[in-house]
PDB file of N, CA and C in Angstrom:
ATOM      1  N   MET A   1       4.122 -20.859  13.808  1.00  0.00           N
ATOM      2  CA  MET A   1       3.153 -20.119  13.016  1.00  0.00           C
ATOM      3  C   MET A   1       3.278 -18.629  13.317  1.00  0.00           C
ATOM      4  N   ARG A   2       2.950 -17.839  12.347  1.00  0.00           N
ATOM      5  CA  ARG A   2       2.942 -16.393  12.558  1.00  0.00           C
ATOM      6  C   ARG A   2       1.577 -15.837  12.206  1.00  0.00           C
ATOM      7  N   SER A   3       1.243 -14.765  12.867  1.00  0.00           N
ATOM      8  CA  SER A   3      -0.026 -14.081  12.603  1.00  0.00           C
ATOM      9  C   SER A   3       0.228 -12.909  11.673  1.00  0.00           C
ATOM     10  N   LEU A   4      -0.645 -12.761  10.698  1.00  0.00           N
ATOM     11  CA  LEU A   4      -0.599 -11.608   9.793  1.00  0.00           C
ATOM     12  C   LEU A   4      -1.989 -11.015   9.721  1.00  0.00           C
ATOM     13  N   SER A   5      -2.039  -9.716   9.522  1.00  0.00           N
ATOM     14  CA  SER A   5      -3.312  -9.022   9.351  1.00  0.00           C
ATOM     15  C   SER A   5      -3.496  -8.644   7.890  1.00  0.00           C
ATOM     16  N   MET A   6      -4.695  -8.929   7.363  1.00  0.00           N
ATOM     17  CA  MET A   6      -5.043  -8.415   6.044  1.00  0.00           C
ATOM     18  C   MET A   6      -5.570  -7.001   6.263  1.00  0.00           C
ATOM     19  N   VAL A   7      -4.990  -6.042   5.544  1.00  0.00           N
ATOM     20  CA  VAL A   7      -5.322  -4.639   5.767  1.00  0.00           C
ATOM     21  C   VAL A   7      -5.658  -3.942   4.456  1.00  0.00           C
ATOM     22  N   CYS A   8      -6.329  -2.814   4.592  1.00  0.00           N
ATOM     23  CA  CYS A   8      -6.533  -1.884   3.483  1.00  0.00           C
ATOM     24  C   CYS A   8      -5.745  -0.624   3.835  1.00  0.00           C
ATOM     25  N   VAL A   9      -4.770  -0.289   3.003  1.00  0.00           N
ATOM     26  CA  VAL A   9      -3.960   0.911   3.212  1.00  0.00           C
ATOM     27  C   VAL A   9      -4.411   1.973   2.219  1.00  0.00           C
ATOM     28  N   VAL A  10      -4.790   3.119   2.725  1.00  0.00           N
ATOM     29  CA  VAL A  10      -5.101   4.271   1.876  1.00  0.00           C
ATOM     30  C   VAL A  10      -3.855   5.140   1.871  1.00  0.00           C
ATOM     31  N   TRP A  11      -3.362   5.457   0.670  1.00  0.00           N
ATOM     32  CA  TRP A  11      -2.128   6.231   0.570  1.00  0.00           C
ATOM     33  C   TRP A  11      -2.172   7.146  -0.651  1.00  0.00           C
ATOM     34  N   LEU A  12      -1.289   8.133  -0.652  1.00  0.00           N
ATOM     35  CA  LEU A  12      -1.252   9.137  -1.712  1.00  0.00           C
ATOM     36  C   LEU A  12      -0.102   8.851  -2.664  1.00  0.00           C
ATOM     37  N   ASP A  13      -0.387   8.910  -3.965  1.00  0.00           N
ATOM     38  CA  ASP A  13       0.617   8.617  -4.977  1.00  0.00           C
ATOM     39  C   ASP A  13       0.776   9.807  -5.917  1.00  0.00           C
ATOM     40  N   SER A  14       1.926   9.886  -6.535  1.00  0.00           N
ATOM     41  CA  SER A  14       2.204  10.944  -7.505  1.00  0.00           C
ATOM     42  C   SER A  14       1.458  10.698  -8.807  1.00  0.00           C
ATOM     43  N   CYS A  15       1.172  11.765  -9.540  1.00  0.00           N
ATOM     44  CA  CYS A  15       0.544  11.676 -10.858  1.00  0.00           C
ATOM     45  C   CYS A  15       1.269  12.616 -11.805  1.00  0.00           C
ATOM     46  N   THR A  16       1.148  12.322 -13.083  1.00  0.00           N
ATOM     47  CA  THR A  16       1.750  13.196 -14.092  1.00  0.00           C
ATOM     48  C   THR A  16       0.740  13.495 -15.187  1.00  0.00           C
ATOM     49  N   GLU A  17       0.987  14.590 -15.916  1.00  0.00           N
ATOM     50  CA  GLU A  17       0.236  14.932 -17.123  1.00  0.00           C
ATOM     51  C   GLU A  17       1.247  15.166 -18.226  1.00  0.00           C
ATOM     52  N   ALA A  18       0.947  14.674 -19.393  1.00  0.00           N
ATOM     53  CA  ALA A  18       1.854  14.851 -20.520  1.00  0.00           C
ATOM     54  C   ALA A  18       1.251  15.832 -21.522  1.00  0.00           C
ATOM     55  N   GLY A  19       2.108  16.481 -22.272  1.00  0.00           N
ATOM     56  CA  GLY A  19       1.659  17.386 -23.321  1.00  0.00           C
ATOM     57  C   GLY A  19       1.799  18.843 -22.918  1.00  0.00           C
ATOM     58  N   TRP A  20       1.828  19.696 -23.925  1.00  0.00           N
ATOM     59  CA  TRP A  20       1.973  21.131 -23.702  1.00  0.00           C
ATOM     60  C   TRP A  20       0.629  21.726 -23.306  1.00  0.00           C
ATOM     61  N   MET A  21       0.638  22.527 -22.254  1.00  0.00           N
ATOM     62  CA  MET A  21      -0.588  23.196 -21.816  1.00  0.00           C
ATOM     63  C   MET A  21      -0.220  24.380 -20.930  1.00  0.00           C
ATOM     64  N   HIS A  22      -1.161  25.277 -20.792  1.00  0.00           N
ATOM     65  CA  HIS A  22      -0.992  26.395 -19.862  1.00  0.00           C
ATOM     66  C   HIS A  22      -1.229  25.866 -18.444  1.00  0.00           C
ATOM     67  N   ASP A  23      -0.625  26.508 -17.467  1.00  0.00           N
ATOM     68  CA  ASP A  23      -0.757  26.073 -16.079  1.00  0.00           C
ATOM     69  C   ASP A  23      -2.215  25.955 -15.649  1.00  0.00           C
ATOM     70  N   ALA A  24      -3.059  26.868 -16.105  1.00  0.00           N
ATOM     71  CA  ALA A  24      -4.470  26.849 -15.718  1.00  0.00           C
ATOM     72  C   ALA A  24      -5.208  25.616 -16.260  1.00  0.00           C
ATOM     73  N   GLU A  25      -4.657  24.985 -17.300  1.00  0.00           N
ATOM     74  CA  GLU A  25      -5.282  23.797 -17.888  1.00  0.00           C
ATOM     75  C   GLU A  25      -4.901  22.503 -17.165  1.00  0.00           C
ATOM     76  N   ALA A  26      -3.853  22.547 -16.380  1.00  0.00           N
ATOM     77  CA  ALA A  26      -3.386  21.345 -15.674  1.00  0.00           C
ATOM     78  C   ALA A  26      -4.393  20.958 -14.599  1.00  0.00           C
ATOM     79  N   THR A  27      -4.824  19.706 -14.619  1.00  0.00           N
ATOM     80  CA  THR A  27      -5.864  19.261 -13.685  1.00  0.00           C
ATOM     81  C   THR A  27      -5.419  18.127 -12.761  1.00  0.00           C
ATOM     82  N   MET A  28      -4.248  17.565 -12.978  1.00  0.00           N
ATOM     83  CA  MET A  28      -3.802  16.426 -12.172  1.00  0.00           C
ATOM     84  C   MET A  28      -3.562  16.833 -10.725  1.00  0.00           C
ATOM     85  N   ARG A  29      -3.923  15.956  -9.838  1.00  0.00           N
ATOM     86  CA  ARG A  29      -3.702  16.135  -8.413  1.00  0.00           C
ATOM     87  C   ARG A  29      -3.131  14.829  -7.875  1.00  0.00           C
ATOM     88  N   VAL A  30      -2.656  14.849  -6.669  1.00  0.00           N
ATOM     89  CA  VAL A  30      -2.177  13.628  -6.023  1.00  0.00           C
ATOM     90  C   VAL A  30      -3.327  12.619  -6.003  1.00  0.00           C
ATOM     91  N   ALA A  31      -3.024  11.364  -6.303  1.00  0.00           N
ATOM     92  CA  ALA A  31      -4.059  10.320  -6.363  1.00  0.00           C
ATOM     93  C   ALA A  31      -4.158   9.582  -5.030  1.00  0.00           C
ATOM     94  N   GLU A  32      -5.392   9.342  -4.570  1.00  0.00           N
ATOM     95  CA  GLU A  32      -5.608   8.526  -3.380  1.00  0.00           C
ATOM     96  C   GLU A  32      -5.765   7.077  -3.828  1.00  0.00           C
ATOM     97  N   ILE A  33      -4.901   6.211  -3.330  1.00  0.00           N
ATOM     98  CA  ILE A  33      -4.848   4.815  -3.726  1.00  0.00           C
ATOM     99  C   ILE A  33      -5.272   3.940  -2.543  1.00  0.00           C
ATOM    100  N   LYS A  34      -5.971   2.833  -2.822  1.00  0.00           N
ATOM    101  CA  LYS A  34      -6.313   1.844  -1.793  1.00  0.00           C
ATOM    102  C   LYS A  34      -5.667   0.528  -2.189  1.00  0.00           C
ATOM    103  N   SER A  35      -4.803   0.009  -1.322  1.00  0.00           N
ATOM    104  CA  SER A  35      -4.144  -1.274  -1.554  1.00  0.00           C
ATOM    105  C   SER A  35      -4.516  -2.226  -0.431  1.00  0.00           C
ATOM    106  N   VAL A  36      -4.850  -3.473  -0.805  1.00  0.00           N
ATOM    107  CA  VAL A  36      -5.213  -4.498   0.167  1.00  0.00           C
ATOM    108  C   VAL A  36      -4.158  -5.596   0.125  1.00  0.00           C
ATOM    109  N   GLY A  37      -3.720  -6.035   1.294  1.00  0.00           N
ATOM    110  CA  GLY A  37      -2.736  -7.115   1.352  1.00  0.00           C
ATOM    111  C   GLY A  37      -2.425  -7.502   2.782  1.00  0.00           C
ATOM    112  N   TRP A  38      -1.505  -8.459   2.918  1.00  0.00           N
ATOM    113  CA  TRP A  38      -1.064  -8.921   4.228  1.00  0.00           C
ATOM    114  C   TRP A  38       0.017  -7.989   4.749  1.00  0.00           C
ATOM    115  N   LEU A  39      -0.188  -7.421   5.935  1.00  0.00           N
ATOM    116  CA  LEU A  39       0.742  -6.438   6.500  1.00  0.00           C
ATOM    117  C   LEU A  39       1.988  -7.141   7.007  1.00  0.00           C
ATOM    118  N   LEU A  40       3.126  -6.882   6.352  1.00  0.00           N
ATOM    119  CA  LEU A  40       4.400  -7.469   6.744  1.00  0.00           C
ATOM    120  C   LEU A  40       5.196  -6.549   7.649  1.00  0.00           C
ATOM    121  N   GLU A  41       5.077  -5.231   7.404  1.00  0.00           N
ATOM    122  CA  GLU A  41       5.888  -4.278   8.165  1.00  0.00           C
ATOM    123  C   GLU A  41       5.151  -2.945   8.268  1.00  0.00           C
ATOM    124  N   ASP A  42       5.185  -2.375   9.451  1.00  0.00           N
ATOM    125  CA  ASP A  42       4.623  -1.042   9.688  1.00  0.00           C
ATOM    126  C   ASP A  42       5.562  -0.348  10.660  1.00  0.00           C
ATOM    127  N   THR A  43       6.491   0.460  10.114  1.00  0.00           N
ATOM    128  CA  THR A  43       7.491   1.146  10.931  1.00  0.00           C
ATOM    129  C   THR A  43       7.284   2.651  10.829  1.00  0.00           C
ATOM    130  N   GLU A  44       8.157   3.397  11.458  1.00  0.00           N
ATOM    131  CA  GLU A  44       8.093   4.864  11.379  1.00  0.00           C
ATOM    132  C   GLU A  44       8.335   5.363   9.968  1.00  0.00           C
ATOM    133  N   THR A  45       9.042   4.570   9.147  1.00  0.00           N
ATOM    134  CA  THR A  45       9.430   5.053   7.819  1.00  0.00           C
ATOM    135  C   THR A  45       8.730   4.374   6.656  1.00  0.00           C
ATOM    136  N   GLN A  46       8.195   3.149   6.857  1.00  0.00           N
ATOM    137  CA  GLN A  46       7.587   2.477   5.719  1.00  0.00           C
ATOM    138  C   GLN A  46       6.540   1.453   6.139  1.00  0.00           C
ATOM    139  N   VAL A  47       5.692   1.106   5.140  1.00  0.00           N
ATOM    140  CA  VAL A  47       4.668   0.077   5.292  1.00  0.00           C
ATOM    141  C   VAL A  47       4.867  -0.901   4.142  1.00  0.00           C
ATOM    142  N   THR A  48       4.871  -2.212   4.448  1.00  0.00           N
ATOM    143  CA  THR A  48       5.040  -3.235   3.423  1.00  0.00           C
ATOM    144  C   THR A  48       3.882  -4.216   3.475  1.00  0.00           C
ATOM    145  N   LEU A  49       3.283  -4.459   2.298  1.00  0.00           N
ATOM    146  CA  LEU A  49       2.201  -5.427   2.144  1.00  0.00           C
ATOM    147  C   LEU A  49       2.664  -6.551   1.228  1.00  0.00           C
ATOM    148  N   ALA A  50       2.088  -7.742   1.426  1.00  0.00           N
ATOM    149  CA  ALA A  50       2.283  -8.859   0.497  1.00  0.00           C
ATOM    150  C   ALA A  50       0.928  -9.237  -0.074  1.00  0.00           C
ATOM    151  N   GLN A  51       0.905  -9.517  -1.364  1.00  0.00           N
ATOM    152  CA  GLN A  51      -0.341  -9.919  -2.013  1.00  0.00           C
ATOM    153  C   GLN A  51      -0.711 -11.344  -1.645  1.00  0.00           C
ATOM    154  N   SER A  52       0.288 -12.229  -1.537  1.00  0.00           N
ATOM    155  CA  SER A  52       0.013 -13.647  -1.333  1.00  0.00           C
ATOM    156  C   SER A  52       0.930 -14.252  -0.280  1.00  0.00           C
ATOM    157  N   VAL A  53       0.414 -15.299   0.402  1.00  0.00           N
ATOM    158  CA  VAL A  53       1.188 -16.093   1.354  1.00  0.00           C
ATOM    159  C   VAL A  53       0.969 -17.556   0.992  1.00  0.00           C
ATOM    160  N   ASP A  54       2.067 -18.341   0.848  1.00  0.00           N
ATOM    161  CA  ASP A  54       1.899 -19.743   0.464  1.00  0.00           C
ATOM    162  C   ASP A  54       1.849 -20.663   1.687  1.00  0.00           C
ATOM    163  N   TRP A  55       1.741 -21.971   1.445  1.00  0.00           N
ATOM    164  CA  TRP A  55       1.594 -22.971   2.497  1.00  0.00           C
ATOM    165  C   TRP A  55       2.810 -23.073   3.409  1.00  0.00           C
ATOM    166  N   GLU A  56       3.964 -22.532   2.984  1.00  0.00           N
ATOM    167  CA  GLU A  56       5.168 -22.525   3.817  1.00  0.00           C
ATOM    168  C   GLU A  56       5.339 -21.201   4.557  1.00  0.00           C
ATOM    169  N   GLY A  57       4.437 -20.255   4.314  1.00  0.00           N
ATOM    170  CA  GLY A  57       4.533 -18.946   4.940  1.00  0.00           C
ATOM    171  C   GLY A  57       5.373 -17.949   4.163  1.00  0.00           C
ATOM    172  N   LYS A  58       5.811 -18.326   2.938  1.00  0.00           N
ATOM    173  CA  LYS A  58       6.562 -17.393   2.089  1.00  0.00           C
ATOM    174  C   LYS A  58       5.584 -16.412   1.450  1.00  0.00           C
ATOM    175  N   THR A  59       6.050 -15.183   1.220  1.00  0.00           N
ATOM    176  CA  THR A  59       5.190 -14.155   0.640  1.00  0.00           C
ATOM    177  C   THR A  59       5.656 -13.774  -0.763  1.00  0.00           C
ATOM    178  N   SER A  60       4.731 -13.207  -1.537  1.00  0.00           N
ATOM    179  CA  SER A  60       5.021 -12.809  -2.908  1.00  0.00           C
ATOM    180  C   SER A  60       4.315 -11.505  -3.228  1.00  0.00           C
ATOM    181  N   GLU A  61       4.827 -10.821  -4.253  1.00  0.00           N
ATOM    182  CA  GLU A  61       4.236  -9.571  -4.733  1.00  0.00           C
ATOM    183  C   GLU A  61       4.122  -8.556  -3.602  1.00  0.00           C
ATOM    184  N   ARG A  62       5.279  -8.132  -3.098  1.00  0.00           N
ATOM    185  CA  ARG A  62       5.325  -7.175  -1.991  1.00  0.00           C
ATOM    186  C   ARG A  62       5.311  -5.728  -2.507  1.00  0.00           C
ATOM    187  N   LEU A  63       4.652  -4.865  -1.761  1.00  0.00           N
ATOM    188  CA  LEU A  63       4.567  -3.427  -2.056  1.00  0.00           C
ATOM    189  C   LEU A  63       5.019  -2.675  -0.820  1.00  0.00           C
ATOM    190  N   THR A  64       6.038  -1.834  -0.969  1.00  0.00           N
ATOM    191  CA  THR A  64       6.515  -0.998   0.133  1.00  0.00           C
ATOM    192  C   THR A  64       6.300   0.454  -0.231  1.00  0.00           C
ATOM    193  N   MET A  65       5.720   1.206   0.710  1.00  0.00           N
ATOM    194  CA  MET A  65       5.470   2.630   0.482  1.00  0.00           C
ATOM    195  C   MET A  65       6.015   3.429   1.660  1.00  0.00           C
ATOM    196  N   PRO A  66       6.421   4.675   1.433  1.00  0.00           N
ATOM    197  CA  PRO A  66       6.872   5.513   2.547  1.00  0.00           C
ATOM    198  C   PRO A  66       5.724   5.764   3.521  1.00  0.00           C
ATOM    199  N   LYS A  67       6.003   5.721   4.797  1.00  0.00           N
ATOM    200  CA  LYS A  67       4.972   5.961   5.814  1.00  0.00           C
ATOM    201  C   LYS A  67       4.391   7.367   5.663  1.00  0.00           C
ATOM    202  N   SER A  68       5.175   8.300   5.161  1.00  0.00           N
ATOM    203  CA  SER A  68       4.724   9.688   5.037  1.00  0.00           C
ATOM    204  C   SER A  68       3.564   9.863   4.055  1.00  0.00           C
ATOM    205  N   VAL A  69       3.326   8.887   3.156  1.00  0.00           N
ATOM    206  CA  VAL A  69       2.220   9.001   2.202  1.00  0.00           C
ATOM    207  C   VAL A  69       0.983   8.211   2.644  1.00  0.00           C
ATOM    208  N   VAL A  70       1.074   7.498   3.766  1.00  0.00           N
ATOM    209  CA  VAL A  70      -0.039   6.676   4.237  1.00  0.00           C
ATOM    210  C   VAL A  70      -1.061   7.543   4.969  1.00  0.00           C
ATOM    211  N   VAL A  71      -2.306   7.461   4.529  1.00  0.00           N
ATOM    212  CA  VAL A  71      -3.412   8.193   5.138  1.00  0.00           C
ATOM    213  C   VAL A  71      -4.035   7.371   6.260  1.00  0.00           C
ATOM    214  N   SER A  72      -4.258   6.059   6.002  1.00  0.00           N
ATOM    215  CA  SER A  72      -4.862   5.197   7.021  1.00  0.00           C
ATOM    216  C   SER A  72      -4.554   3.735   6.742  1.00  0.00           C
ATOM    217  N   ILE A  73      -4.624   2.924   7.799  1.00  0.00           N
ATOM    218  CA  ILE A  73      -4.494   1.472   7.696  1.00  0.00           C
ATOM    219  C   ILE A  73      -5.662   0.872   8.466  1.00  0.00           C
ATOM    220  N   THR A  74      -6.486   0.070   7.778  1.00  0.00           N
ATOM    221  CA  THR A  74      -7.647  -0.571   8.394  1.00  0.00           C
ATOM    222  C   THR A  74      -7.455  -2.081   8.357  1.00  0.00           C
ATOM    223  N   VAL A  75      -7.545  -2.733   9.520  1.00  0.00           N
ATOM    224  CA  VAL A  75      -7.437  -4.190   9.581  1.00  0.00           C
ATOM    225  C   VAL A  75      -8.747  -4.801   9.104  1.00  0.00           C
ATOM    226  N   LEU A  76      -8.663  -5.718   8.121  1.00  0.00           N
ATOM    227  CA  LEU A  76      -9.836  -6.388   7.576  1.00  0.00           C
ATOM    228  C   LEU A  76     -10.051  -7.749   8.231  1.00  0.00           C
ATOM    229  N   ARG A  77      -8.938  -8.458   8.515  1.00  0.00           N
ATOM    230  CA  ARG A  77      -9.028  -9.750   9.214  1.00  0.00           C
ATOM    231  C   ARG A  77      -7.631 -10.177   9.629  1.00  0.00           C
ATOM    232  N   ASP A  78      -7.558 -11.094  10.576  1.00  0.00           N
ATOM    233  CA  ASP A  78      -6.302 -11.667  11.040  1.00  0.00           C
ATOM    234  C   ASP A  78      -6.271 -13.140  10.656  1.00  0.00           C
ATOM    235  N   ALA A  79      -5.063 -13.665  10.396  1.00  0.00           N
ATOM    236  CA  ALA A  79      -4.915 -15.072  10.036  1.00  0.00           C
ATOM    237  C   ALA A  79      -3.566 -15.574  10.526  1.00  0.00           C
ATOM    238  N   ARG A  80      -3.456 -16.896  10.686  1.00  0.00           N
ATOM    239  CA  ARG A  80      -2.206 -17.528  11.100  1.00  0.00           C
ATOM    240  C   ARG A  80      -1.663 -18.341   9.940  1.00  0.00           C
ATOM    241  N   PHE A  81      -0.356 -18.248   9.729  1.00  0.00           N
ATOM    242  CA  PHE A  81       0.320 -18.960   8.645  1.00  0.00           C
ATOM    243  C   PHE A  81       1.477 -19.750   9.217  1.00  0.00           C
ATOM    244  N   PRO A  82       1.894 -20.829   8.493  1.00  0.00           N
ATOM    245  CA  PRO A  82       3.034 -21.629   8.975  1.00  0.00           C
ATOM    246  C   PRO A  82       4.290 -20.786   9.091  1.00  0.00           C
TER     247      PRO A  82
END
């Protein structure tokens, strides 16, 4: 069995604005995103979450983000999987 932590990762993502406008009209800023999932990897360069874990311990719907955009990681609960 392996232990995994369900976490909430707060991270910064890029945003875009479309259409012609003057610079003073541009309002987009970096977006703060909150993603919840099972923490698979937390290294110096990246963080990987999985949305789901099945009865065999296989994971699905993984999200990997650069560590440089991560603001915080909060453990919500721990669980053991096959």
